[in-house]
Amino acid sequence: MLFRRSILPARYELVTRDRCHLCDEMAAVLDMVLPEFGLTYTLRDVDAEPELRERFTDVVPVLLRDGRPVAKVRVDRRALARIVRGRL
């Protein structure tokens, strides 16, 4: 009998800042693409978390997959789909 190790879905987080138009743009792309793969994301405010503030300072938005950056500032639908497929 073969046993398959189940792979948990990737955890996506969008590091944002209040009143950031680039953050809004990336969130819109995430809203379009991630559901196609049965995925969601959570928002994290760079200014509310000292660890994020130290790590990313003024480089937002940042898309994290399992805690690691996979996209910064801008991502389009095609690029995001490649990022997601790279983890499947």
PDB file of N, CA and C in Angstrom:
ATOM      1  N   MET A   1       0.838  -1.168   0.000  1.00  0.00           N
ATOM      2  CA  MET A   1       0.000   0.000   0.000  1.00  0.00           C
ATOM      3  C   MET A   1       0.895   1.248   0.000  1.00  0.00           C
ATOM      4  N   LEU A   2       0.564   2.188  -0.854  1.00  0.00           N
ATOM      5  CA  LEU A   2       1.321   3.432  -0.923  1.00  0.00           C
ATOM      6  C   LEU A   2       0.669   4.480  -0.035  1.00  0.00           C
ATOM      7  N   PHE A   3       1.497   5.214   0.652  1.00  0.00           N
ATOM      8  CA  PHE A   3       1.003   6.309   1.476  1.00  0.00           C
ATOM      9  C   PHE A   3       1.452   7.610   0.834  1.00  0.00           C
ATOM     10  N   ARG A   4       0.520   8.505   0.694  1.00  0.00           N
ATOM     11  CA  ARG A   4       0.855   9.822   0.150  1.00  0.00           C
ATOM     12  C   ARG A   4       0.855  10.829   1.287  1.00  0.00           C
ATOM     13  N   ARG A   5       1.878  11.602   1.297  1.00  0.00           N
ATOM     14  CA  ARG A   5       1.938  12.661   2.286  1.00  0.00           C
ATOM     15  C   ARG A   5       1.066  13.809   1.798  1.00  0.00           C
ATOM     16  N   SER A   6       0.119  14.198   2.604  1.00  0.00           N
ATOM     17  CA  SER A   6      -0.744  15.292   2.166  1.00  0.00           C
ATOM     18  C   SER A   6       0.006  16.609   2.297  1.00  0.00           C
ATOM     19  N   ILE A   7      -0.167  17.435   1.316  1.00  0.00           N
ATOM     20  CA  ILE A   7       0.473  18.744   1.302  1.00  0.00           C
ATOM     21  C   ILE A   7      -0.582  19.765   1.665  1.00  0.00           C
ATOM     22  N   LEU A   8      -0.320  20.511   2.711  1.00  0.00           N
ATOM     23  CA  LEU A   8      -1.253  21.554   3.120  1.00  0.00           C
ATOM     24  C   LEU A   8      -1.206  22.691   2.109  1.00  0.00           C
ATOM     25  N   PRO A   9      -2.336  23.341   1.894  1.00  0.00           N
ATOM     26  CA  PRO A   9      -2.319  24.487   0.985  1.00  0.00           C
ATOM     27  C   PRO A   9      -1.395  25.574   1.529  1.00  0.00           C
ATOM     28  N   ALA A  10      -0.803  26.303   0.627  1.00  0.00           N
ATOM     29  CA  ALA A  10       0.072  27.404   1.030  1.00  0.00           C
ATOM     30  C   ALA A  10      -0.748  28.450   1.767  1.00  0.00           C
ATOM     31  N   ARG A  11      -0.088  29.143   2.681  1.00  0.00           N
ATOM     32  CA  ARG A  11      -0.712  30.226   3.442  1.00  0.00           C
ATOM     33  C   ARG A  11      -0.219  31.542   2.838  1.00  0.00           C
ATOM     34  N   TYR A  12      -1.156  32.313   2.285  1.00  0.00           N
ATOM     35  CA  TYR A  12      -0.815  33.589   1.665  1.00  0.00           C
ATOM     36  C   TYR A  12      -1.224  34.738   2.583  1.00  0.00           C
ATOM     37  N   GLU A  13      -0.310  35.713   2.711  1.00  0.00           N
ATOM     38  CA  GLU A  13      -0.571  36.907   3.506  1.00  0.00           C
ATOM     39  C   GLU A  13      -0.130  38.116   2.691  1.00  0.00           C
ATOM     40  N   LEU A  14      -0.918  39.162   2.750  1.00  0.00           N
ATOM     41  CA  LEU A  14      -0.580  40.397   2.053  1.00  0.00           C
ATOM     42  C   LEU A  14      -0.207  41.443   3.094  1.00  0.00           C
ATOM     43  N   VAL A  15       1.050  41.859   3.059  1.00  0.00           N
ATOM     44  CA  VAL A  15       1.537  42.895   3.961  1.00  0.00           C
ATOM     45  C   VAL A  15       1.186  44.238   3.330  1.00  0.00           C
ATOM     46  N   THR A  16       0.389  45.010   4.047  1.00  0.00           N
ATOM     47  CA  THR A  16      -0.158  46.249   3.497  1.00  0.00           C
ATOM     48  C   THR A  16       0.068  47.423   4.439  1.00  0.00           C
ATOM     49  N   ARG A  17      -0.434  48.548   3.998  1.00  0.00           N
ATOM     50  CA  ARG A  17      -0.420  49.776   4.798  1.00  0.00           C
ATOM     51  C   ARG A  17      -1.700  50.530   4.457  1.00  0.00           C
ATOM     52  N   ASP A  18      -2.242  51.215   5.431  1.00  0.00           N
ATOM     53  CA  ASP A  18      -3.438  52.019   5.225  1.00  0.00           C
ATOM     54  C   ASP A  18      -3.189  53.089   4.161  1.00  0.00           C
ATOM     55  N   ARG A  19      -4.156  53.295   3.310  1.00  0.00           N
ATOM     56  CA  ARG A  19      -4.113  54.302   2.235  1.00  0.00           C
ATOM     57  C   ARG A  19      -2.973  54.057   1.243  1.00  0.00           C
ATOM     58  N   CYS A  20      -2.751  52.813   0.895  1.00  0.00           N
ATOM     59  CA  CYS A  20      -1.708  52.432  -0.061  1.00  0.00           C
ATOM     60  C   CYS A  20      -2.398  51.936  -1.333  1.00  0.00           C
ATOM     61  N   HIS A  21      -2.324  52.732  -2.394  1.00  0.00           N
ATOM     62  CA  HIS A  21      -3.013  52.338  -3.627  1.00  0.00           C
ATOM     63  C   HIS A  21      -2.394  51.083  -4.256  1.00  0.00           C
ATOM     64  N   LEU A  22      -1.088  50.898  -4.124  1.00  0.00           N
ATOM     65  CA  LEU A  22      -0.465  49.685  -4.655  1.00  0.00           C
ATOM     66  C   LEU A  22      -0.952  48.449  -3.893  1.00  0.00           C
ATOM     67  N   CYS A  23      -1.177  48.614  -2.596  1.00  0.00           N
ATOM     68  CA  CYS A  23      -1.715  47.512  -1.783  1.00  0.00           C
ATOM     69  C   CYS A  23      -3.115  47.145  -2.264  1.00  0.00           C
ATOM     70  N   ASP A  24      -3.918  48.161  -2.550  1.00  0.00           N
ATOM     71  CA  ASP A  24      -5.276  47.920  -3.054  1.00  0.00           C
ATOM     72  C   ASP A  24      -5.233  47.196  -4.397  1.00  0.00           C
ATOM     73  N   GLU A  25      -4.288  47.595  -5.251  1.00  0.00           N
ATOM     74  CA  GLU A  25      -4.158  46.944  -6.563  1.00  0.00           C
ATOM     75  C   GLU A  25      -3.766  45.479  -6.424  1.00  0.00           C
ATOM     76  N   MET A  26      -2.798  45.185  -5.537  1.00  0.00           N
ATOM     77  CA  MET A  26      -2.388  43.796  -5.375  1.00  0.00           C
ATOM     78  C   MET A  26      -3.517  42.977  -4.756  1.00  0.00           C
ATOM     79  N   ALA A  27      -4.242  43.544  -3.809  1.00  0.00           N
ATOM     80  CA  ALA A  27      -5.370  42.838  -3.193  1.00  0.00           C
ATOM     81  C   ALA A  27      -6.420  42.493  -4.246  1.00  0.00           C
ATOM     82  N   ALA A  28      -6.653  43.388  -5.193  1.00  0.00           N
ATOM     83  CA  ALA A  28      -7.628  43.124  -6.256  1.00  0.00           C
ATOM     84  C   ALA A  28      -7.185  41.942  -7.120  1.00  0.00           C
ATOM     85  N   VAL A  29      -5.896  41.852  -7.419  1.00  0.00           N
ATOM     86  CA  VAL A  29      -5.380  40.721  -8.201  1.00  0.00           C
ATOM     87  C   VAL A  29      -5.519  39.434  -7.392  1.00  0.00           C
ATOM     88  N   LEU A  30      -5.189  39.486  -6.119  1.00  0.00           N
ATOM     89  CA  LEU A  30      -5.336  38.307  -5.264  1.00  0.00           C
ATOM     90  C   LEU A  30      -6.789  37.853  -5.214  1.00  0.00           C
ATOM     91  N   ASP A  31      -7.711  38.816  -5.121  1.00  0.00           N
ATOM     92  CA  ASP A  31      -9.146  38.493  -5.080  1.00  0.00           C
ATOM     93  C   ASP A  31      -9.612  37.808  -6.358  1.00  0.00           C
ATOM     94  N   MET A  32      -8.968  38.111  -7.480  1.00  0.00           N
ATOM     95  CA  MET A  32      -9.339  37.486  -8.749  1.00  0.00           C
ATOM     96  C   MET A  32      -8.724  36.104  -8.925  1.00  0.00           C
ATOM     97  N   VAL A  33      -7.461  35.943  -8.526  1.00  0.00           N
ATOM     98  CA  VAL A  33      -6.706  34.736  -8.865  1.00  0.00           C
ATOM     99  C   VAL A  33      -6.779  33.644  -7.804  1.00  0.00           C
ATOM    100  N   LEU A  34      -6.579  33.980  -6.551  1.00  0.00           N
ATOM    101  CA  LEU A  34      -6.495  32.933  -5.527  1.00  0.00           C
ATOM    102  C   LEU A  34      -7.744  32.054  -5.440  1.00  0.00           C
ATOM    103  N   PRO A  35      -8.959  32.599  -5.541  1.00  0.00           N
ATOM    104  CA  PRO A  35     -10.134  31.722  -5.491  1.00  0.00           C
ATOM    105  C   PRO A  35     -10.165  30.678  -6.616  1.00  0.00           C
ATOM    106  N   GLU A  36      -9.554  30.973  -7.764  1.00  0.00           N
ATOM    107  CA  GLU A  36      -9.486  30.001  -8.857  1.00  0.00           C
ATOM    108  C   GLU A  36      -8.746  28.735  -8.432  1.00  0.00           C
ATOM    109  N   PHE A  37      -7.875  28.868  -7.425  1.00  0.00           N
ATOM    110  CA  PHE A  37      -7.095  27.743  -6.918  1.00  0.00           C
ATOM    111  C   PHE A  37      -7.628  27.246  -5.571  1.00  0.00           C
ATOM    112  N   GLY A  38      -8.764  27.786  -5.159  1.00  0.00           N
ATOM    113  CA  GLY A  38      -9.339  27.400  -3.873  1.00  0.00           C
ATOM    114  C   GLY A  38      -8.574  27.969  -2.690  1.00  0.00           C
ATOM    115  N   LEU A  39      -7.897  29.093  -2.900  1.00  0.00           N
ATOM    116  CA  LEU A  39      -7.056  29.696  -1.869  1.00  0.00           C
ATOM    117  C   LEU A  39      -7.601  31.045  -1.421  1.00  0.00           C
ATOM    118  N   THR A  40      -7.166  31.469  -0.251  1.00  0.00           N
ATOM    119  CA  THR A  40      -7.493  32.794   0.282  1.00  0.00           C
ATOM    120  C   THR A  40      -6.211  33.421   0.810  1.00  0.00           C
ATOM    121  N   TYR A  41      -6.343  34.624   1.305  1.00  0.00           N
ATOM    122  CA  TYR A  41      -5.199  35.298   1.919  1.00  0.00           C
ATOM    123  C   TYR A  41      -5.682  36.115   3.102  1.00  0.00           C
ATOM    124  N   THR A  42      -4.742  36.489   3.953  1.00  0.00           N
ATOM    125  CA  THR A  42      -5.049  37.380   5.062  1.00  0.00           C
ATOM    126  C   THR A  42      -4.233  38.649   4.912  1.00  0.00           C
ATOM    127  N   LEU A  43      -4.738  39.719   5.488  1.00  0.00           N
ATOM    128  CA  LEU A  43      -4.048  41.002   5.463  1.00  0.00           C
ATOM    129  C   LEU A  43      -3.240  41.169   6.744  1.00  0.00           C
ATOM    130  N   ARG A  44      -2.058  41.762   6.597  1.00  0.00           N
ATOM    131  CA  ARG A  44      -1.226  42.108   7.748  1.00  0.00           C
ATOM    132  C   ARG A  44      -0.746  43.533   7.565  1.00  0.00           C
ATOM    133  N   ASP A  45      -0.959  44.350   8.572  1.00  0.00           N
ATOM    134  CA  ASP A  45      -0.605  45.768   8.526  1.00  0.00           C
ATOM    135  C   ASP A  45       0.850  45.950   8.946  1.00  0.00           C
ATOM    136  N   VAL A  46       1.671  46.429   8.027  1.00  0.00           N
ATOM    137  CA  VAL A  46       3.094  46.613   8.282  1.00  0.00           C
ATOM    138  C   VAL A  46       3.336  47.586   9.436  1.00  0.00           C
ATOM    139  N   ASP A  47       2.452  48.553   9.626  1.00  0.00           N
ATOM    140  CA  ASP A  47       2.645  49.544  10.680  1.00  0.00           C
ATOM    141  C   ASP A  47       2.169  49.059  12.043  1.00  0.00           C
ATOM    142  N   ALA A  48       1.401  47.992  12.088  1.00  0.00           N
ATOM    143  CA  ALA A  48       0.877  47.475  13.348  1.00  0.00           C
ATOM    144  C   ALA A  48       1.754  46.377  13.939  1.00  0.00           C
ATOM    145  N   GLU A  49       2.695  45.867  13.165  1.00  0.00           N
ATOM    146  CA  GLU A  49       3.532  44.767  13.629  1.00  0.00           C
ATOM    147  C   GLU A  49       5.009  45.154  13.514  1.00  0.00           C
ATOM    148  N   PRO A  50       5.664  45.383  14.648  1.00  0.00           N
ATOM    149  CA  PRO A  50       7.073  45.820  14.613  1.00  0.00           C
ATOM    150  C   PRO A  50       7.985  44.909  13.792  1.00  0.00           C
ATOM    151  N   GLU A  51       7.759  43.600  13.855  1.00  0.00           N
ATOM    152  CA  GLU A  51       8.598  42.670  13.093  1.00  0.00           C
ATOM    153  C   GLU A  51       8.450  42.915  11.591  1.00  0.00           C
ATOM    154  N   LEU A  52       7.223  43.147  11.137  1.00  0.00           N
ATOM    155  CA  LEU A  52       7.004  43.442   9.711  1.00  0.00           C
ATOM    156  C   LEU A  52       7.592  44.794   9.344  1.00  0.00           C
ATOM    157  N   ARG A  53       7.418  45.777  10.218  1.00  0.00           N
ATOM    158  CA  ARG A  53       7.938  47.122   9.961  1.00  0.00           C
ATOM    159  C   ARG A  53       9.452  47.079   9.791  1.00  0.00           C
ATOM    160  N   GLU A  54      10.116  46.318  10.654  1.00  0.00           N
ATOM    161  CA  GLU A  54      11.572  46.199  10.564  1.00  0.00           C
ATOM    162  C   GLU A  54      11.983  45.466   9.292  1.00  0.00           C
ATOM    163  N   ARG A  55      11.216  44.472   8.945  1.00  0.00           N
ATOM    164  CA  ARG A  55      11.559  43.620   7.797  1.00  0.00           C
ATOM    165  C   ARG A  55      11.306  44.298   6.457  1.00  0.00           C
ATOM    166  N   PHE A  56      10.198  45.043   6.346  1.00  0.00           N
ATOM    167  CA  PHE A  56       9.814  45.582   5.036  1.00  0.00           C
ATOM    168  C   PHE A  56       9.819  47.104   4.952  1.00  0.00           C
ATOM    169  N   THR A  57       9.915  47.792   6.073  1.00  0.00           N
ATOM    170  CA  THR A  57       9.973  49.247   6.138  1.00  0.00           C
ATOM    171  C   THR A  57       8.955  49.889   5.202  1.00  0.00           C
ATOM    172  N   ASP A  58       9.407  50.411   4.064  1.00  0.00           N
ATOM    173  CA  ASP A  58       8.512  51.108   3.138  1.00  0.00           C
ATOM    174  C   ASP A  58       8.247  50.329   1.859  1.00  0.00           C
ATOM    175  N   VAL A  59       8.616  49.072   1.814  1.00  0.00           N
ATOM    176  CA  VAL A  59       8.386  48.264   0.622  1.00  0.00           C
ATOM    177  C   VAL A  59       7.091  47.482   0.805  1.00  0.00           C
ATOM    178  N   VAL A  60       6.003  48.096   0.439  1.00  0.00           N
ATOM    179  CA  VAL A  60       4.697  47.429   0.492  1.00  0.00           C
ATOM    180  C   VAL A  60       3.976  47.718  -0.811  1.00  0.00           C
ATOM    181  N   PRO A  61       3.124  46.866  -1.231  1.00  0.00           N
ATOM    182  CA  PRO A  61       2.726  45.611  -0.613  1.00  0.00           C
ATOM    183  C   PRO A  61       3.758  44.512  -0.840  1.00  0.00           C
ATOM    184  N   VAL A  62       3.682  43.513   0.034  1.00  0.00           N
ATOM    185  CA  VAL A  62       4.504  42.316  -0.095  1.00  0.00           C
ATOM    186  C   VAL A  62       3.579  41.117   0.066  1.00  0.00           C
ATOM    187  N   LEU A  63       3.649  40.197  -0.870  1.00  0.00           N
ATOM    188  CA  LEU A  63       2.879  38.968  -0.762  1.00  0.00           C
ATOM    189  C   LEU A  63       3.782  37.898  -0.172  1.00  0.00           C
ATOM    190  N   LEU A  64       3.334  37.327   0.947  1.00  0.00           N
ATOM    191  CA  LEU A  64       4.072  36.253   1.599  1.00  0.00           C
ATOM    192  C   LEU A  64       3.381  34.931   1.325  1.00  0.00           C
ATOM    193  N   ARG A  65       4.170  33.925   1.039  1.00  0.00           N
ATOM    194  CA  ARG A  65       3.651  32.559   0.943  1.00  0.00           C
ATOM    195  C   ARG A  65       4.394  31.758   2.004  1.00  0.00           C
ATOM    196  N   ASP A  66       3.632  31.252   2.957  1.00  0.00           N
ATOM    197  CA  ASP A  66       4.225  30.512   4.067  1.00  0.00           C
ATOM    198  C   ASP A  66       5.330  31.317   4.744  1.00  0.00           C
ATOM    199  N   GLY A  67       5.100  32.634   4.865  1.00  0.00           N
ATOM    200  CA  GLY A  67       6.030  33.510   5.576  1.00  0.00           C
ATOM    201  C   GLY A  67       7.173  34.064   4.765  1.00  0.00           C
ATOM    202  N   ARG A  68       7.290  33.649   3.504  1.00  0.00           N
ATOM    203  CA  ARG A  68       8.394  34.126   2.659  1.00  0.00           C
ATOM    204  C   ARG A  68       7.866  35.014   1.539  1.00  0.00           C
ATOM    205  N   PRO A  69       8.561  36.110   1.244  1.00  0.00           N
ATOM    206  CA  PRO A  69       8.116  36.992   0.163  1.00  0.00           C
ATOM    207  C   PRO A  69       8.162  36.296  -1.197  1.00  0.00           C
ATOM    208  N   VAL A  70       7.067  36.436  -1.961  1.00  0.00           N
ATOM    209  CA  VAL A  70       7.033  35.891  -3.319  1.00  0.00           C
ATOM    210  C   VAL A  70       6.703  36.964  -4.347  1.00  0.00           C
ATOM    211  N   ALA A  71       6.262  38.139  -3.886  1.00  0.00           N
ATOM    212  CA  ALA A  71       5.994  39.264  -4.789  1.00  0.00           C
ATOM    213  C   ALA A  71       6.039  40.548  -3.970  1.00  0.00           C
ATOM    214  N   LYS A  72       6.576  41.590  -4.587  1.00  0.00           N
ATOM    215  CA  LYS A  72       6.635  42.900  -3.943  1.00  0.00           C
ATOM    216  C   LYS A  72       6.134  43.964  -4.904  1.00  0.00           C
ATOM    217  N   VAL A  73       5.463  44.946  -4.373  1.00  0.00           N
ATOM    218  CA  VAL A  73       4.985  46.153  -5.043  1.00  0.00           C
ATOM    219  C   VAL A  73       3.895  45.871  -6.074  1.00  0.00           C
ATOM    220  N   ARG A  74       4.180  45.076  -7.095  1.00  0.00           N
ATOM    221  CA  ARG A  74       3.158  44.801  -8.122  1.00  0.00           C
ATOM    222  C   ARG A  74       3.221  43.342  -8.551  1.00  0.00           C
ATOM    223  N   VAL A  75       2.044  42.813  -8.866  1.00  0.00           N
ATOM    224  CA  VAL A  75       1.958  41.482  -9.449  1.00  0.00           C
ATOM    225  C   VAL A  75       0.726  41.472 -10.344  1.00  0.00           C
ATOM    226  N   ASP A  76       0.858  40.863 -11.518  1.00  0.00           N
ATOM    227  CA  ASP A  76      -0.317  40.765 -12.391  1.00  0.00           C
ATOM    228  C   ASP A  76      -0.898  39.359 -12.295  1.00  0.00           C
ATOM    229  N   ARG A  77      -2.037  39.180 -12.937  1.00  0.00           N
ATOM    230  CA  ARG A  77      -2.748  37.889 -12.860  1.00  0.00           C
ATOM    231  C   ARG A  77      -1.879  36.721 -13.305  1.00  0.00           C
ATOM    232  N   ARG A  78      -1.214  36.891 -14.415  1.00  0.00           N
ATOM    233  CA  ARG A  78      -0.394  35.806 -14.966  1.00  0.00           C
ATOM    234  C   ARG A  78       0.760  35.445 -14.026  1.00  0.00           C
ATOM    235  N   ALA A  79       1.436  36.458 -13.518  1.00  0.00           N
ATOM    236  CA  ALA A  79       2.560  36.216 -12.607  1.00  0.00           C
ATOM    237  C   ALA A  79       2.073  35.544 -11.322  1.00  0.00           C
ATOM    238  N   LEU A  80       0.955  35.979 -10.798  1.00  0.00           N
ATOM    239  CA  LEU A  80       0.433  35.381  -9.574  1.00  0.00           C
ATOM    240  C   LEU A  80       0.033  33.927  -9.811  1.00  0.00           C
ATOM    241  N   ALA A  81      -0.562  33.637 -10.944  1.00  0.00           N
ATOM    242  CA  ALA A  81      -0.925  32.256 -11.261  1.00  0.00           C
ATOM    243  C   ALA A  81       0.330  31.388 -11.325  1.00  0.00           C
ATOM    244  N   ARG A  82       1.421  31.899 -11.892  1.00  0.00           N
ATOM    245  CA  ARG A  82       2.684  31.144 -11.927  1.00  0.00           C
ATOM    246  C   ARG A  82       3.221  30.907 -10.520  1.00  0.00           C
ATOM    247  N   ILE A  83       3.121  31.917  -9.674  1.00  0.00           N
ATOM    248  CA  ILE A  83       3.574  31.784  -8.292  1.00  0.00           C
ATOM    249  C   ILE A  83       2.788  30.685  -7.584  1.00  0.00           C
ATOM    250  N   VAL A  84       1.481  30.699  -7.738  1.00  0.00           N
ATOM    251  CA  VAL A  84       0.631  29.714  -7.068  1.00  0.00           C
ATOM    252  C   VAL A  84       0.908  28.320  -7.628  1.00  0.00           C
ATOM    253  N   ARG A  85       0.985  28.193  -8.932  1.00  0.00           N
ATOM    254  CA  ARG A  85       1.249  26.882  -9.534  1.00  0.00           C
ATOM    255  C   ARG A  85       2.594  26.322  -9.117  1.00  0.00           C
ATOM    256  N   GLY A  86       3.552  27.194  -8.866  1.00  0.00           N
ATOM    257  CA  GLY A  86       4.868  26.755  -8.437  1.00  0.00           C
ATOM    258  C   GLY A  86       4.841  26.061  -7.087  1.00  0.00           C
ATOM    259  N   ARG A  87       3.793  26.254  -6.337  1.00  0.00           N
ATOM    260  CA  ARG A  87       3.665  25.637  -5.005  1.00  0.00           C
ATOM    261  C   ARG A  87       2.787  24.404  -5.033  1.00  0.00           C
ATOM    262  N   LEU A  88       1.962  24.248  -6.084  1.00  0.00           N
ATOM    263  CA  LEU A  88       1.020  23.118  -6.118  1.00  0.00           C
ATOM    264  C   LEU A  88       1.733  21.812  -6.383  1.00  0.00           C
TER     265      LEU A  88
END
